[in-house]
């Protein structure tokens, strides 16, 4: 197992980290919110499509419910 560490920024109650997400079309560098209690990672469909994925790559549609609302995907 590889271990690394990185600095992060507090933005109010959020932890912001720099990261890279890779897909079939491209890799995207960005700033991302780190949710230490999350069971899943949520991305917008625009972001996922920019990485090179389409709805055909999904397993099934689902709804993620959080304290601030629901997101279908």
N, C-alpha and C. Protein backbone atom coordinates (compact mmCIF):
# COMPACT_ATOMS: atom_id res chain seq x y z
N UNK A 1 0.84 -1.17 0.00
CA UNK A 1 0.00 0.00 0.00
C UNK A 1 0.89 1.24 0.00
N UNK A 2 0.54 2.19 -0.86
CA UNK A 2 1.28 3.44 -0.93
C UNK A 2 0.61 4.46 -0.03
N UNK A 3 1.40 5.18 0.69
CA UNK A 3 0.86 6.21 1.58
C UNK A 3 1.41 7.55 1.13
N UNK A 4 0.55 8.54 1.11
CA UNK A 4 1.00 9.90 0.80
C UNK A 4 0.21 10.86 1.66
N UNK A 5 0.70 12.06 1.75
CA UNK A 5 -0.03 13.07 2.49
C UNK A 5 0.00 14.36 1.70
N UNK A 6 -0.99 15.18 1.96
CA UNK A 6 -1.13 16.44 1.25
C UNK A 6 -1.70 17.49 2.19
N UNK A 7 -1.43 18.71 1.89
CA UNK A 7 -2.00 19.78 2.70
C UNK A 7 -3.43 20.04 2.24
N UNK A 8 -4.19 20.69 3.07
CA UNK A 8 -5.57 21.02 2.70
C UNK A 8 -5.92 22.39 3.26
N UNK A 9 -7.04 22.90 2.77
CA UNK A 9 -7.51 24.23 3.15
C UNK A 9 -8.86 24.08 3.84
N UNK A 10 -9.06 24.80 4.91
CA UNK A 10 -10.39 24.88 5.53
C UNK A 10 -11.16 26.01 4.84
N UNK A 11 -12.37 25.71 4.42
CA UNK A 11 -13.26 26.73 3.87
C UNK A 11 -14.56 26.63 4.67
N UNK A 12 -14.60 27.36 5.76
CA UNK A 12 -15.73 27.20 6.67
C UNK A 12 -15.63 25.84 7.33
N UNK A 13 -16.67 25.03 7.19
CA UNK A 13 -16.68 23.67 7.74
C UNK A 13 -16.16 22.63 6.75
N UNK A 14 -15.77 23.05 5.54
CA UNK A 14 -15.34 22.11 4.50
C UNK A 14 -13.83 21.93 4.49
N UNK A 15 -13.39 20.73 4.12
CA UNK A 15 -11.98 20.45 3.88
C UNK A 15 -11.81 20.38 2.36
N UNK A 16 -10.98 21.23 1.81
CA UNK A 16 -10.74 21.30 0.37
C UNK A 16 -9.36 20.72 0.08
N UNK A 17 -9.29 19.76 -0.85
CA UNK A 17 -8.02 19.15 -1.24
C UNK A 17 -7.83 19.27 -2.75
N UNK A 18 -6.57 19.31 -3.18
CA UNK A 18 -6.27 19.26 -4.61
C UNK A 18 -6.21 17.80 -5.00
N UNK A 19 -6.72 17.48 -6.18
CA UNK A 19 -6.71 16.09 -6.63
C UNK A 19 -6.82 15.98 -8.12
N UNK A 20 -6.70 14.75 -8.60
CA UNK A 20 -6.83 14.45 -10.03
C UNK A 20 -7.73 13.24 -10.16
N UNK A 21 -8.73 13.36 -11.05
CA UNK A 21 -9.62 12.24 -11.35
C UNK A 21 -9.42 11.90 -12.81
N UNK A 22 -9.21 10.61 -13.09
CA UNK A 22 -8.93 10.17 -14.46
C UNK A 22 -10.07 9.34 -15.01
N UNK A 23 -10.32 9.52 -16.30
CA UNK A 23 -11.33 8.75 -17.03
C UNK A 23 -10.78 8.37 -18.38
N UNK A 24 -11.61 7.74 -19.22
CA UNK A 24 -11.14 7.30 -20.53
C UNK A 24 -10.73 8.45 -21.45
N UNK A 25 -11.35 9.60 -21.32
CA UNK A 25 -11.08 10.72 -22.23
C UNK A 25 -9.96 11.63 -21.73
N UNK A 26 -9.91 11.84 -20.43
CA UNK A 26 -8.92 12.79 -19.90
C UNK A 26 -8.83 12.67 -18.38
N UNK A 27 -7.82 13.33 -17.84
CA UNK A 27 -7.69 13.49 -16.39
C UNK A 27 -7.99 14.95 -16.08
N UNK A 28 -8.67 15.19 -14.98
CA UNK A 28 -9.04 16.55 -14.59
C UNK A 28 -8.44 16.83 -13.22
N UNK A 29 -7.63 17.89 -13.15
CA UNK A 29 -7.11 18.38 -11.88
C UNK A 29 -8.11 19.37 -11.31
N UNK A 30 -8.26 19.37 -10.01
CA UNK A 30 -9.19 20.33 -9.41
C UNK A 30 -9.09 20.36 -7.91
N UNK A 31 -9.95 21.17 -7.36
CA UNK A 31 -10.11 21.26 -5.91
C UNK A 31 -11.40 20.55 -5.57
N UNK A 32 -11.34 19.67 -4.59
CA UNK A 32 -12.48 18.83 -4.26
C UNK A 32 -12.76 18.89 -2.76
N UNK A 33 -14.02 18.71 -2.39
CA UNK A 33 -14.42 18.66 -0.98
C UNK A 33 -14.18 17.24 -0.48
N UNK A 34 -13.49 17.12 0.63
CA UNK A 34 -13.25 15.82 1.28
C UNK A 34 -14.29 15.65 2.38
N UNK A 35 -15.14 14.65 2.20
CA UNK A 35 -16.16 14.33 3.19
C UNK A 35 -15.72 13.08 3.92
N UNK A 36 -15.20 13.22 5.12
CA UNK A 36 -14.63 12.09 5.86
C UNK A 36 -15.69 11.07 6.29
N UNK A 37 -16.96 11.44 6.24
CA UNK A 37 -18.01 10.51 6.64
C UNK A 37 -18.80 9.96 5.47
N UNK A 38 -18.38 10.24 4.24
CA UNK A 38 -19.15 9.82 3.07
C UNK A 38 -19.00 8.33 2.80
N UNK A 39 -20.09 7.71 2.41
CA UNK A 39 -20.06 6.31 1.99
C UNK A 39 -19.89 6.21 0.48
N UNK A 40 -20.15 7.31 -0.24
CA UNK A 40 -20.05 7.34 -1.70
C UNK A 40 -19.47 8.67 -2.15
N UNK A 41 -18.99 8.68 -3.38
CA UNK A 41 -18.52 9.90 -4.01
C UNK A 41 -19.58 10.36 -5.00
N UNK A 42 -19.92 11.63 -4.98
CA UNK A 42 -20.92 12.18 -5.87
C UNK A 42 -20.28 13.16 -6.83
N UNK A 43 -20.60 13.02 -8.12
CA UNK A 43 -20.12 13.93 -9.15
C UNK A 43 -21.29 14.31 -10.04
N UNK A 44 -21.24 15.49 -10.62
CA UNK A 44 -22.29 15.90 -11.55
C UNK A 44 -22.15 15.11 -12.85
N UNK A 45 -23.24 14.97 -13.59
CA UNK A 45 -23.15 14.23 -14.85
C UNK A 45 -22.28 14.97 -15.86
N UNK A 46 -22.24 16.29 -15.79
CA UNK A 46 -21.37 17.06 -16.69
C UNK A 46 -19.90 16.72 -16.45
N UNK A 47 -19.52 16.59 -15.18
CA UNK A 47 -18.15 16.26 -14.82
C UNK A 47 -17.79 14.85 -15.29
N UNK A 48 -18.69 13.91 -15.06
CA UNK A 48 -18.46 12.52 -15.46
C UNK A 48 -18.34 12.40 -16.98
N UNK A 49 -19.20 13.13 -17.71
CA UNK A 49 -19.13 13.12 -19.17
C UNK A 49 -17.83 13.74 -19.66
N UNK A 50 -17.33 14.77 -18.99
CA UNK A 50 -16.06 15.38 -19.37
C UNK A 50 -14.90 14.39 -19.20
N UNK A 51 -15.02 13.50 -18.23
CA UNK A 51 -13.99 12.46 -18.03
C UNK A 51 -14.03 11.41 -19.13
N UNK A 52 -15.17 11.31 -19.82
CA UNK A 52 -15.28 10.35 -20.92
C UNK A 52 -16.26 9.22 -20.68
N UNK A 53 -17.08 9.33 -19.66
CA UNK A 53 -18.07 8.30 -19.37
C UNK A 53 -19.44 8.74 -19.89
N UNK A 54 -20.32 7.77 -20.13
CA UNK A 54 -21.68 8.07 -20.57
C UNK A 54 -22.66 7.30 -19.69
N UNK A 55 -23.96 7.59 -19.80
CA UNK A 55 -24.95 6.83 -19.02
C UNK A 55 -24.88 5.32 -19.26
N UNK A 56 -24.40 4.91 -20.43
CA UNK A 56 -24.28 3.47 -20.73
C UNK A 56 -23.26 2.79 -19.82
N UNK A 57 -22.34 3.57 -19.23
CA UNK A 57 -21.33 2.98 -18.34
C UNK A 57 -21.87 2.73 -16.94
N UNK A 58 -23.04 3.27 -16.63
CA UNK A 58 -23.62 3.11 -15.30
C UNK A 58 -24.19 1.72 -15.09
N UNK A 59 -24.33 1.36 -13.84
CA UNK A 59 -24.92 0.07 -13.49
C UNK A 59 -26.44 0.21 -13.38
N UNK A 60 -26.87 1.27 -12.71
CA UNK A 60 -28.31 1.54 -12.55
C UNK A 60 -28.48 2.97 -12.07
N UNK A 61 -29.69 3.48 -12.21
CA UNK A 61 -30.01 4.81 -11.69
C UNK A 61 -30.30 4.68 -10.20
N UNK A 62 -29.96 5.71 -9.46
CA UNK A 62 -30.17 5.67 -8.02
C UNK A 62 -30.43 7.08 -7.51
N UNK A 63 -30.82 7.20 -6.28
CA UNK A 63 -31.00 8.49 -5.62
C UNK A 63 -30.13 8.50 -4.37
N UNK A 64 -29.32 9.54 -4.24
CA UNK A 64 -28.49 9.72 -3.05
C UNK A 64 -29.17 10.77 -2.19
N UNK A 65 -29.46 10.42 -0.96
CA UNK A 65 -30.13 11.34 -0.03
C UNK A 65 -29.12 11.81 1.02
N UNK A 66 -29.07 13.12 1.21
CA UNK A 66 -28.17 13.69 2.21
C UNK A 66 -28.96 14.63 3.09
N UNK A 67 -28.27 15.25 4.03
CA UNK A 67 -28.92 16.20 4.93
C UNK A 67 -29.45 17.42 4.19
N UNK A 68 -28.86 17.72 3.03
CA UNK A 68 -29.28 18.93 2.30
C UNK A 68 -30.19 18.64 1.12
N UNK A 69 -30.54 17.37 0.88
CA UNK A 69 -31.46 17.07 -0.21
C UNK A 69 -31.17 15.75 -0.87
N UNK A 70 -31.76 15.54 -2.06
CA UNK A 70 -31.58 14.32 -2.82
C UNK A 70 -31.03 14.64 -4.19
N UNK A 71 -30.23 13.74 -4.72
CA UNK A 71 -29.64 13.91 -6.05
C UNK A 71 -29.84 12.60 -6.80
N UNK A 72 -30.51 12.68 -7.96
CA UNK A 72 -30.76 11.50 -8.77
C UNK A 72 -29.64 11.33 -9.77
N UNK A 73 -29.25 10.11 -10.02
CA UNK A 73 -28.19 9.88 -11.00
C UNK A 73 -28.08 8.42 -11.37
